[in-house]
Amino acid sequence: MSQSRPGTRLSLSGLGRSSLFGRFLKRKSGASAVEFALIVAPFLVLLIGLFEVAMIFIAMTTMEHGVAEAARRIRTGELQASGASAESFKDLVCDATFGILDCDERLMVDVRVFDDFGSAQGDNPLQDGEIDEDSLQFDAGQGSDIVLARVFYEWQIITPMIGGPMSNMTGDRRLLQASVAFRNEPFGDR
């Protein structure tokens, strides 16, 4: 039937029976099923949690890209010339995020002018686990002004058990933030 060399035994019919799944099906005591049930739940939570952390990373990366692209329009004076507003800046950010973010309700912007780069720091927009929308401003500035543009996004954490440690807002939400500080080009001095 099967050829074998001296000292070795090879049986093709025995390969399927010694597999992990085959041994699992043969067990009659139920210990394997209990062990599997104990392991699968934490494994799935970790797997889904890993997927969610990766999604947060992707959202942060696209937000950083979006704020950098939209800030370029402020830096060159293009946005100011076309009637700058918080909504128009938000639209520019959303256009550069490839549709990954829900820009309608969860995305907020804060753009401010500062005297020097050392003071270009924004306040924490969170108060009592919610965003204080009254503290958000929009001032794109004039030529040669120093501007800090920040974008905030409320990420809803869906993975059980990691919502508490990862959230910094009420309701298992995390505030994601991307910002860029720059000096406007001297577009008003022409």
N, C-alpha and C. Protein backbone atom coordinates (compact mmCIF):
# COMPACT_ATOMS: atom_id res chain seq x y z
N MET A 1 0.82 -1.17 0.00
CA MET A 1 0.00 0.00 0.00
C MET A 1 0.88 1.25 0.00
N SER A 2 1.34 1.62 1.17
CA SER A 2 2.21 2.79 1.21
C SER A 2 3.63 2.31 1.38
N GLN A 3 4.50 2.93 0.66
CA GLN A 3 5.90 2.55 0.77
C GLN A 3 6.51 3.33 1.92
N SER A 4 7.30 2.66 2.66
CA SER A 4 7.98 3.35 3.76
C SER A 4 9.40 2.86 3.83
N ARG A 5 10.20 3.72 4.32
CA ARG A 5 11.60 3.36 4.51
C ARG A 5 11.73 2.69 5.87
N PRO A 6 12.78 1.97 6.02
CA PRO A 6 12.96 1.32 7.32
C PRO A 6 13.04 2.37 8.44
N GLY A 7 12.31 2.15 9.48
CA GLY A 7 12.35 3.04 10.64
C GLY A 7 11.31 4.15 10.58
N THR A 8 10.58 4.31 9.48
CA THR A 8 9.54 5.34 9.39
C THR A 8 8.23 4.71 9.00
N ARG A 9 7.17 5.28 9.51
CA ARG A 9 5.84 4.80 9.14
C ARG A 9 5.06 5.99 8.62
N LEU A 10 4.48 5.81 7.48
CA LEU A 10 3.70 6.87 6.86
C LEU A 10 2.36 6.29 6.45
N SER A 11 1.33 6.85 6.97
CA SER A 11 0.01 6.38 6.61
C SER A 11 -0.82 7.59 6.19
N LEU A 12 -1.23 7.63 4.95
CA LEU A 12 -2.01 8.75 4.45
C LEU A 12 -3.41 8.76 5.02
N SER A 13 -3.92 7.62 5.39
CA SER A 13 -5.28 7.58 5.92
C SER A 13 -5.36 8.14 7.34
N GLY A 14 -4.29 8.22 8.07
CA GLY A 14 -4.30 8.70 9.44
C GLY A 14 -4.13 10.19 9.59
N LEU A 15 -3.84 10.93 8.51
CA LEU A 15 -3.59 12.36 8.61
C LEU A 15 -4.82 13.13 9.06
N GLY A 16 -5.97 12.83 8.54
CA GLY A 16 -7.18 13.58 8.85
C GLY A 16 -7.66 13.35 10.27
N ARG A 17 -7.45 12.14 10.79
CA ARG A 17 -7.94 11.82 12.12
C ARG A 17 -7.14 12.47 13.22
N SER A 18 -5.91 12.80 12.99
CA SER A 18 -5.09 13.39 14.06
C SER A 18 -5.12 14.91 14.04
N SER A 19 -5.94 15.48 13.19
CA SER A 19 -6.01 16.94 13.14
C SER A 19 -6.67 17.48 14.41
N LEU A 20 -6.47 18.73 14.66
CA LEU A 20 -7.03 19.38 15.84
C LEU A 20 -8.54 19.30 15.84
N PHE A 21 -9.16 19.57 14.72
CA PHE A 21 -10.61 19.54 14.63
C PHE A 21 -11.14 18.12 14.83
N GLY A 22 -10.44 17.15 14.27
CA GLY A 22 -10.85 15.76 14.41
C GLY A 22 -10.78 15.31 15.86
N ARG A 23 -9.74 15.70 16.56
CA ARG A 23 -9.63 15.35 17.98
C ARG A 23 -10.71 16.04 18.80
N PHE A 24 -11.04 17.28 18.42
CA PHE A 24 -12.09 18.02 19.13
C PHE A 24 -13.44 17.30 18.99
N LEU A 25 -13.72 16.80 17.78
CA LEU A 25 -14.99 16.12 17.54
C LEU A 25 -15.06 14.77 18.25
N LYS A 26 -13.93 14.10 18.44
CA LYS A 26 -13.90 12.80 19.08
C LYS A 26 -14.16 12.87 20.58
N ARG A 27 -13.84 13.98 21.20
CA ARG A 27 -13.97 14.09 22.65
C ARG A 27 -15.42 13.96 23.06
N LYS A 28 -15.66 13.14 24.04
CA LYS A 28 -17.02 12.94 24.51
C LYS A 28 -17.24 13.57 25.88
N SER A 29 -16.21 13.93 26.58
CA SER A 29 -16.37 14.42 27.95
C SER A 29 -16.86 15.86 28.01
N GLY A 30 -16.67 16.64 26.99
CA GLY A 30 -17.11 18.04 27.00
C GLY A 30 -16.07 19.01 27.52
N ALA A 31 -14.95 18.51 27.97
CA ALA A 31 -13.90 19.39 28.50
C ALA A 31 -13.33 20.28 27.41
N SER A 32 -13.20 19.75 26.24
CA SER A 32 -12.67 20.57 25.13
C SER A 32 -13.64 21.69 24.78
N ALA A 33 -14.92 21.40 24.79
CA ALA A 33 -15.91 22.43 24.49
C ALA A 33 -15.91 23.52 25.55
N VAL A 34 -15.77 23.15 26.80
CA VAL A 34 -15.73 24.13 27.88
C VAL A 34 -14.46 24.98 27.77
N GLU A 35 -13.33 24.36 27.50
CA GLU A 35 -12.10 25.10 27.33
C GLU A 35 -12.19 26.06 26.15
N PHE A 36 -12.77 25.60 25.07
CA PHE A 36 -12.94 26.46 23.89
C PHE A 36 -13.84 27.65 24.22
N ALA A 37 -14.92 27.42 24.94
CA ALA A 37 -15.84 28.51 25.31
C ALA A 37 -15.16 29.53 26.22
N LEU A 38 -14.29 29.06 27.10
CA LEU A 38 -13.59 29.97 28.00
C LEU A 38 -12.56 30.83 27.25
N ILE A 39 -12.00 30.30 26.23
CA ILE A 39 -10.96 31.01 25.48
C ILE A 39 -11.53 31.91 24.40
N VAL A 40 -12.62 31.50 23.74
CA VAL A 40 -13.09 32.22 22.57
C VAL A 40 -13.63 33.62 22.92
N ALA A 41 -14.31 33.78 24.04
CA ALA A 41 -14.88 35.10 24.37
C ALA A 41 -13.79 36.16 24.59
N PRO A 42 -12.78 35.91 25.44
CA PRO A 42 -11.72 36.92 25.58
C PRO A 42 -10.95 37.14 24.28
N PHE A 43 -10.76 36.07 23.51
CA PHE A 43 -10.05 36.22 22.24
C PHE A 43 -10.82 37.14 21.28
N LEU A 44 -12.13 36.96 21.19
CA LEU A 44 -12.92 37.81 20.31
C LEU A 44 -12.95 39.26 20.78
N VAL A 45 -13.03 39.48 22.09
CA VAL A 45 -13.00 40.85 22.62
C VAL A 45 -11.66 41.51 22.27
N LEU A 46 -10.57 40.79 22.44
CA LEU A 46 -9.26 41.34 22.10
C LEU A 46 -9.14 41.60 20.60
N LEU A 47 -9.66 40.71 19.80
CA LEU A 47 -9.59 40.87 18.36
C LEU A 47 -10.41 42.08 17.90
N ILE A 48 -11.61 42.23 18.42
CA ILE A 48 -12.45 43.37 18.06
C ILE A 48 -11.84 44.66 18.60
N GLY A 49 -11.28 44.60 19.81
CA GLY A 49 -10.61 45.77 20.38
C GLY A 49 -9.42 46.20 19.53
N LEU A 50 -8.66 45.25 19.05
CA LEU A 50 -7.53 45.55 18.18
C LEU A 50 -8.01 46.21 16.89
N PHE A 51 -9.09 45.70 16.34
CA PHE A 51 -9.67 46.28 15.13
C PHE A 51 -10.12 47.72 15.39
N GLU A 52 -10.73 47.97 16.55
CA GLU A 52 -11.20 49.32 16.85
C GLU A 52 -10.04 50.29 17.07
N VAL A 53 -8.98 49.84 17.72
CA VAL A 53 -7.81 50.70 17.90
C VAL A 53 -7.20 51.04 16.53
N ALA A 54 -7.20 50.08 15.64
CA ALA A 54 -6.70 50.35 14.28
C ALA A 54 -7.59 51.37 13.56
N MET A 55 -8.90 51.27 13.75
CA MET A 55 -9.82 52.23 13.14
C MET A 55 -9.62 53.64 13.72
N ILE A 56 -9.34 53.72 15.03
CA ILE A 56 -9.07 55.02 15.65
C ILE A 56 -7.80 55.61 15.06
N PHE A 57 -6.79 54.78 14.87
CA PHE A 57 -5.54 55.24 14.26
C PHE A 57 -5.78 55.76 12.84
N ILE A 58 -6.59 55.04 12.08
CA ILE A 58 -6.90 55.48 10.72
C ILE A 58 -7.66 56.80 10.75
N ALA A 59 -8.62 56.93 11.67
CA ALA A 59 -9.38 58.18 11.79
C ALA A 59 -8.46 59.34 12.16
N MET A 60 -7.53 59.11 13.09
CA MET A 60 -6.60 60.17 13.49
C MET A 60 -5.70 60.57 12.31
N THR A 61 -5.24 59.61 11.56
CA THR A 61 -4.37 59.90 10.42
C THR A 61 -5.11 60.69 9.36
N THR A 62 -6.34 60.31 9.06
CA THR A 62 -7.10 61.06 8.06
C THR A 62 -7.48 62.45 8.57
N MET A 63 -7.73 62.59 9.88
CA MET A 63 -8.00 63.92 10.43
C MET A 63 -6.78 64.82 10.29
N GLU A 64 -5.60 64.28 10.59
CA GLU A 64 -4.37 65.06 10.45
C GLU A 64 -4.17 65.49 9.00
N HIS A 65 -4.44 64.59 8.07
CA HIS A 65 -4.34 64.94 6.66
C HIS A 65 -5.36 66.02 6.31
N GLY A 66 -6.59 65.87 6.79
CA GLY A 66 -7.65 66.82 6.49
C GLY A 66 -7.36 68.21 7.02
N VAL A 67 -6.88 68.31 8.26
CA VAL A 67 -6.59 69.62 8.84
C VAL A 67 -5.38 70.25 8.14
N ALA A 68 -4.41 69.46 7.73
CA ALA A 68 -3.25 70.01 7.02
C ALA A 68 -3.67 70.56 5.65
N GLU A 69 -4.53 69.83 4.95
CA GLU A 69 -4.99 70.29 3.64
C GLU A 69 -5.86 71.55 3.76
N ALA A 70 -6.75 71.57 4.73
CA ALA A 70 -7.62 72.74 4.91
C ALA A 70 -6.83 73.94 5.41
N ALA A 71 -5.83 73.72 6.25
CA ALA A 71 -5.00 74.81 6.77
C ALA A 71 -4.20 75.47 5.65
N ARG A 72 -3.88 74.72 4.63
CA ARG A 72 -3.16 75.31 3.49
C ARG A 72 -3.97 76.43 2.85
N ARG A 73 -5.29 76.27 2.81
CA ARG A 73 -6.16 77.30 2.25
C ARG A 73 -6.17 78.56 3.12
N ILE A 74 -6.04 78.37 4.43
CA ILE A 74 -5.95 79.55 5.33
C ILE A 74 -4.59 80.20 5.15
N ARG A 75 -3.54 79.40 5.15
CA ARG A 75 -2.17 79.90 5.08
C ARG A 75 -1.93 80.75 3.83
N THR A 76 -2.55 80.39 2.73
CA THR A 76 -2.35 81.14 1.48
C THR A 76 -3.34 82.30 1.32
N GLY A 77 -4.33 82.39 2.20
CA GLY A 77 -5.32 83.46 2.12
C GLY A 77 -6.49 83.15 1.22
N GLU A 78 -6.50 81.97 0.63
CA GLU A 78 -7.59 81.58 -0.27
C GLU A 78 -8.93 81.51 0.47
N LEU A 79 -8.93 80.96 1.66
CA LEU A 79 -10.17 80.83 2.42
C LEU A 79 -10.69 82.20 2.87
N GLN A 80 -9.78 83.08 3.30
CA GLN A 80 -10.19 84.41 3.73
C GLN A 80 -10.79 85.20 2.55
N ALA A 81 -10.22 85.05 1.36
CA ALA A 81 -10.71 85.77 0.18
C ALA A 81 -12.10 85.29 -0.25
N SER A 82 -12.42 84.02 0.06
CA SER A 82 -13.70 83.48 -0.35
C SER A 82 -14.75 83.55 0.76
N GLY A 83 -14.48 84.29 1.82
CA GLY A 83 -15.44 84.41 2.91
C GLY A 83 -15.30 83.29 3.92
N ALA A 84 -14.23 83.33 4.69
CA ALA A 84 -13.92 82.26 5.63
C ALA A 84 -14.99 82.13 6.70
N SER A 85 -15.33 80.87 7.00
CA SER A 85 -16.25 80.58 8.11
C SER A 85 -15.86 79.21 8.68
N ALA A 86 -16.34 78.94 9.88
CA ALA A 86 -16.07 77.64 10.49
C ALA A 86 -16.65 76.52 9.64
N GLU A 87 -17.81 76.76 9.06
CA GLU A 87 -18.46 75.73 8.24
C GLU A 87 -17.67 75.46 6.96
N SER A 88 -17.13 76.51 6.32
CA SER A 88 -16.35 76.29 5.10
C SER A 88 -15.03 75.57 5.41
N PHE A 89 -14.42 75.88 6.56
CA PHE A 89 -13.20 75.18 6.97
C PHE A 89 -13.52 73.71 7.27
N LYS A 90 -14.62 73.47 7.95
CA LYS A 90 -15.05 72.10 8.26
C LYS A 90 -15.30 71.31 6.97
N ASP A 91 -15.91 71.95 5.98
CA ASP A 91 -16.14 71.28 4.70
C ASP A 91 -14.83 70.91 4.01
N LEU A 92 -13.84 71.80 4.11
CA LEU A 92 -12.53 71.50 3.52
C LEU A 92 -11.87 70.31 4.21
N VAL A 93 -11.97 70.26 5.53
CA VAL A 93 -11.42 69.12 6.29
C VAL A 93 -12.13 67.84 5.86
N CYS A 94 -13.45 67.88 5.81
CA CYS A 94 -14.22 66.69 5.46
C CYS A 94 -13.93 66.20 4.05
N ASP A 95 -13.72 67.12 3.13
CA ASP A 95 -13.41 66.73 1.75
C ASP A 95 -12.09 65.97 1.66
N ALA A 96 -11.18 66.24 2.60
CA ALA A 96 -9.86 65.60 2.57
C ALA A 96 -9.78 64.35 3.44
N THR A 97 -10.90 63.92 4.05
CA THR A 97 -10.86 62.73 4.90
C THR A 97 -11.44 61.49 4.23
N PHE A 98 -11.68 61.56 2.94
CA PHE A 98 -12.07 60.40 2.13
C PHE A 98 -13.38 59.74 2.59
N GLY A 99 -14.24 60.48 3.27
CA GLY A 99 -15.53 59.94 3.70
C GLY A 99 -15.46 58.99 4.88
N ILE A 100 -14.32 58.91 5.55
CA ILE A 100 -14.17 57.99 6.68
C ILE A 100 -14.90 58.51 7.92
N LEU A 101 -14.93 59.82 8.10
CA LEU A 101 -15.51 60.42 9.29
C LEU A 101 -16.94 60.90 9.03
N ASP A 102 -17.75 60.85 10.07
CA ASP A 102 -19.10 61.40 10.03
C ASP A 102 -18.99 62.89 10.37
N CYS A 103 -18.92 63.71 9.34
CA CYS A 103 -18.64 65.13 9.54
C CYS A 103 -19.85 65.95 9.94
N ASP A 104 -21.04 65.43 9.79
CA ASP A 104 -22.24 66.23 10.03
C ASP A 104 -22.36 66.68 11.49
N GLU A 105 -22.26 65.76 12.43
CA GLU A 105 -22.50 66.11 13.83
C GLU A 105 -21.30 65.90 14.74
N ARG A 106 -20.39 65.04 14.39
CA ARG A 106 -19.31 64.68 15.31
C ARG A 106 -18.03 65.48 15.13
N LEU A 107 -17.87 66.19 14.03
CA LEU A 107 -16.64 66.92 13.75
C LEU A 107 -16.83 68.40 14.09
N MET A 108 -15.88 68.94 14.86
CA MET A 108 -15.90 70.36 15.23
C MET A 108 -14.54 70.97 14.98
N VAL A 109 -14.52 72.27 14.68
CA VAL A 109 -13.27 72.95 14.37
C VAL A 109 -13.07 74.13 15.32
N ASP A 110 -11.80 74.47 15.53
CA ASP A 110 -11.40 75.61 16.35
C ASP A 110 -10.17 76.22 15.70
N VAL A 111 -10.30 77.45 15.21
CA VAL A 111 -9.19 78.14 14.54
C VAL A 111 -8.99 79.48 15.23
N ARG A 112 -7.75 79.74 15.68
CA ARG A 112 -7.46 80.95 16.44
C ARG A 112 -6.16 81.59 15.98
N VAL A 113 -6.05 82.89 16.23
CA VAL A 113 -4.84 83.66 15.92
C VAL A 113 -4.10 83.91 17.23
N PHE A 114 -2.76 83.80 17.19
CA PHE A 114 -1.91 84.03 18.36
C PHE A 114 -0.81 85.02 18.02
N ASP A 115 -0.22 85.62 19.07
CA ASP A 115 0.86 86.59 18.88
C ASP A 115 2.19 85.94 18.52
N ASP A 116 2.46 84.76 19.09
CA ASP A 116 3.70 84.04 18.79
C ASP A 116 3.45 82.53 18.90
N PHE A 117 4.40 81.76 18.43
CA PHE A 117 4.23 80.31 18.43
C PHE A 117 4.25 79.74 19.85
N GLY A 118 4.93 80.39 20.77
CA GLY A 118 4.99 79.91 22.14
C GLY A 118 3.63 79.93 22.82
N SER A 119 2.79 80.86 22.45
CA SER A 119 1.47 80.94 23.07
C SER A 119 0.39 80.24 22.25
N ALA A 120 0.76 79.62 21.14
CA ALA A 120 -0.22 78.96 20.27
C ALA A 120 -0.62 77.60 20.83
N GLN A 121 -1.37 77.65 21.90
CA GLN A 121 -1.87 76.43 22.54
C GLN A 121 -3.36 76.60 22.77
N GLY A 122 -4.10 75.64 22.39
CA GLY A 122 -5.54 75.71 22.58
C GLY A 122 -5.94 75.19 23.95
N ASP A 123 -7.08 75.65 24.40
CA ASP A 123 -7.62 75.16 25.67
C ASP A 123 -8.22 73.78 25.48
N ASN A 124 -8.36 73.07 26.58
CA ASN A 124 -9.03 71.77 26.55
C ASN A 124 -10.52 72.01 26.32
N PRO A 125 -11.09 71.49 25.24
CA PRO A 125 -12.50 71.77 24.96
C PRO A 125 -13.48 70.93 25.79
N LEU A 126 -12.97 69.98 26.57
CA LEU A 126 -13.84 69.12 27.36
C LEU A 126 -14.18 69.74 28.70
N GLN A 127 -15.45 69.73 29.03
CA GLN A 127 -15.92 70.12 30.36
C GLN A 127 -16.99 69.13 30.78
N ASP A 128 -16.75 68.46 31.89
CA ASP A 128 -17.68 67.46 32.43
C ASP A 128 -17.99 66.37 31.41
N GLY A 129 -17.00 65.94 30.67
CA GLY A 129 -17.16 64.84 29.73
C GLY A 129 -17.85 65.18 28.43
N GLU A 130 -18.07 66.45 28.16
CA GLU A 130 -18.70 66.89 26.91
C GLU A 130 -17.88 68.03 26.31
N ILE A 131 -18.01 68.25 25.02
CA ILE A 131 -17.31 69.36 24.35
C ILE A 131 -18.08 70.64 24.63
N ASP A 132 -17.35 71.64 25.10
CA ASP A 132 -17.93 72.96 25.32
C ASP A 132 -17.85 73.72 24.00
N GLU A 133 -18.93 73.66 23.24
CA GLU A 133 -18.93 74.27 21.90
C GLU A 133 -18.83 75.79 21.96
N ASP A 134 -19.17 76.38 23.10
CA ASP A 134 -19.04 77.83 23.24
C ASP A 134 -17.59 78.28 23.29
N SER A 135 -16.68 77.37 23.66
CA SER A 135 -15.26 77.74 23.73
C SER A 135 -14.57 77.65 22.37
N LEU A 136 -15.24 77.08 21.36
CA LEU A 136 -14.65 76.96 20.04
C LEU A 136 -14.81 78.27 19.28
N GLN A 137 -13.75 78.66 18.56
CA GLN A 137 -13.74 79.92 17.83
C GLN A 137 -13.36 79.68 16.37
N PHE A 138 -13.54 80.70 15.56
CA PHE A 138 -13.02 80.65 14.20
C PHE A 138 -12.51 82.04 13.83
N ASP A 139 -11.18 82.16 13.71
CA ASP A 139 -10.54 83.38 13.26
C ASP A 139 -9.35 82.96 12.40
N ALA A 140 -9.49 83.06 11.08
CA ALA A 140 -8.44 82.63 10.16
C ALA A 140 -7.30 83.62 10.07
N GLY A 141 -7.48 84.83 10.57
CA GLY A 141 -6.41 85.82 10.60
C GLY A 141 -6.16 86.47 9.25
N GLN A 142 -5.14 87.30 9.26
CA GLN A 142 -4.71 88.04 8.07
C GLN A 142 -3.32 87.56 7.68
N GLY A 143 -2.72 88.23 6.71
CA GLY A 143 -1.38 87.88 6.27
C GLY A 143 -0.36 87.98 7.40
N SER A 144 0.54 87.03 7.50
CA SER A 144 1.62 86.93 8.47
C SER A 144 1.16 86.64 9.90
N ASP A 145 -0.12 86.37 10.13
CA ASP A 145 -0.59 86.00 11.47
C ASP A 145 -0.21 84.55 11.79
N ILE A 146 -0.04 84.27 13.06
CA ILE A 146 0.21 82.91 13.52
C ILE A 146 -1.15 82.30 13.88
N VAL A 147 -1.44 81.15 13.28
CA VAL A 147 -2.76 80.53 13.40
C VAL A 147 -2.60 79.11 13.93
N LEU A 148 -3.50 78.73 14.83
CA LEU A 148 -3.60 77.35 15.31
C LEU A 148 -4.96 76.82 14.86
N ALA A 149 -4.95 75.78 14.05
CA ALA A 149 -6.18 75.15 13.58
C ALA A 149 -6.28 73.77 14.23
N ARG A 150 -7.41 73.54 14.90
CA ARG A 150 -7.63 72.26 15.56
C ARG A 150 -8.96 71.67 15.08
N VAL A 151 -8.98 70.35 14.99
CA VAL A 151 -10.18 69.62 14.59
C VAL A 151 -10.44 68.56 15.66
N PHE A 152 -11.70 68.47 16.09
CA PHE A 152 -12.11 67.51 17.12
C PHE A 152 -13.15 66.57 16.54
N TYR A 153 -13.06 65.30 16.95
CA TYR A 153 -14.02 64.31 16.48
C TYR A 153 -14.41 63.40 17.64
N GLU A 154 -15.71 63.20 17.83
CA GLU A 154 -16.21 62.31 18.89
C GLU A 154 -16.30 60.89 18.34
N TRP A 155 -15.44 60.01 18.84
CA TRP A 155 -15.43 58.61 18.41
C TRP A 155 -16.21 57.78 19.42
N GLN A 156 -17.21 57.06 18.95
CA GLN A 156 -18.00 56.18 19.81
C GLN A 156 -17.30 54.84 19.91
N ILE A 157 -16.90 54.45 21.11
CA ILE A 157 -16.20 53.18 21.33
C ILE A 157 -17.25 52.08 21.45
N ILE A 158 -17.10 51.04 20.64
CA ILE A 158 -18.10 49.98 20.61
C ILE A 158 -17.63 48.68 21.26
N THR A 159 -16.34 48.53 21.48
CA THR A 159 -15.81 47.29 22.04
C THR A 159 -16.09 47.23 23.53
N PRO A 160 -16.72 46.15 23.99
CA PRO A 160 -16.98 46.04 25.43
C PRO A 160 -15.68 45.92 26.22
N MET A 161 -15.68 46.41 27.39
CA MET A 161 -14.59 46.35 28.37
C MET A 161 -13.42 47.28 28.07
N ILE A 162 -13.26 47.79 26.87
CA ILE A 162 -12.18 48.75 26.66
C ILE A 162 -12.74 50.17 26.57
N GLY A 163 -14.06 50.29 26.58
CA GLY A 163 -14.68 51.61 26.54
C GLY A 163 -14.31 52.45 27.73
N GLY A 164 -14.29 51.88 28.91
CA GLY A 164 -13.95 52.62 30.11
C GLY A 164 -12.53 53.16 30.10
N PRO A 165 -11.53 52.31 29.88
CA PRO A 165 -10.15 52.81 29.89
C PRO A 165 -9.82 53.76 28.73
N MET A 166 -10.46 53.60 27.59
CA MET A 166 -10.12 54.42 26.42
C MET A 166 -10.92 55.70 26.32
N SER A 167 -12.07 55.78 26.99
CA SER A 167 -12.93 56.95 26.80
C SER A 167 -12.47 58.11 27.67
N ASN A 168 -12.62 59.32 27.13
CA ASN A 168 -12.36 60.53 27.90
C ASN A 168 -13.58 61.45 27.88
N MET A 169 -14.69 60.90 27.38
CA MET A 169 -15.96 61.61 27.36
C MET A 169 -17.03 60.70 27.95
N THR A 170 -18.19 61.25 28.26
CA THR A 170 -19.27 60.42 28.78
C THR A 170 -19.82 59.53 27.68
N GLY A 171 -20.44 58.43 28.07
CA GLY A 171 -21.07 57.54 27.10
C GLY A 171 -20.10 56.73 26.27
N ASP A 172 -18.97 56.32 26.82
CA ASP A 172 -17.96 55.53 26.10
C ASP A 172 -17.56 56.17 24.77
N ARG A 173 -17.26 57.45 24.82
CA ARG A 173 -16.78 58.16 23.64
C ARG A 173 -15.36 58.67 23.92
N ARG A 174 -14.60 58.82 22.85
CA ARG A 174 -13.24 59.35 22.95
C ARG A 174 -13.13 60.55 22.02
N LEU A 175 -12.55 61.63 22.54
CA LEU A 175 -12.34 62.82 21.73
C LEU A 175 -11.01 62.68 21.00
N LEU A 176 -11.07 62.65 19.68
CA LEU A 176 -9.88 62.62 18.84
C LEU A 176 -9.58 64.04 18.40
N GLN A 177 -8.30 64.36 18.32
CA GLN A 177 -7.91 65.73 17.99
C GLN A 177 -6.73 65.73 17.04
N ALA A 178 -6.78 66.63 16.07
CA ALA A 178 -5.65 66.87 15.17
C ALA A 178 -5.47 68.38 15.08
N SER A 179 -4.23 68.83 15.06
CA SER A 179 -3.99 70.28 15.03
C SER A 179 -2.74 70.60 14.22
N VAL A 180 -2.70 71.85 13.77
CA VAL A 180 -1.54 72.34 13.04
C VAL A 180 -1.40 73.83 13.35
N ALA A 181 -0.17 74.24 13.62
CA ALA A 181 0.13 75.67 13.86
C ALA A 181 1.02 76.14 12.72
N PHE A 182 0.75 77.35 12.23
CA PHE A 182 1.49 77.86 11.08
C PHE A 182 1.41 79.37 11.05
N ARG A 183 2.27 79.99 10.24
CA ARG A 183 2.21 81.41 10.00
C ARG A 183 1.63 81.63 8.60
N ASN A 184 0.62 82.49 8.53
CA ASN A 184 0.03 82.79 7.22
C ASN A 184 1.07 83.47 6.33
N GLU A 185 0.95 83.24 5.05
CA GLU A 185 1.80 83.94 4.10
C GLU A 185 1.41 85.41 4.10
N PRO A 186 2.31 86.27 3.71
CA PRO A 186 1.98 87.71 3.72
C PRO A 186 1.07 88.12 2.55
N PHE A 187 -0.10 87.49 2.48
CA PHE A 187 -0.98 87.72 1.33
C PHE A 187 -1.66 89.08 1.37
N GLY A 188 -1.79 89.72 2.49
CA GLY A 188 -2.43 91.04 2.57
C GLY A 188 -1.49 92.17 2.28
N ASP A 189 -0.18 91.90 2.19
CA ASP A 189 0.84 92.95 2.01
C ASP A 189 1.18 93.18 0.55
N ARG A 190 0.43 92.65 -0.37
CA ARG A 190 0.76 92.75 -1.79
C ARG A 190 0.36 94.07 -2.36
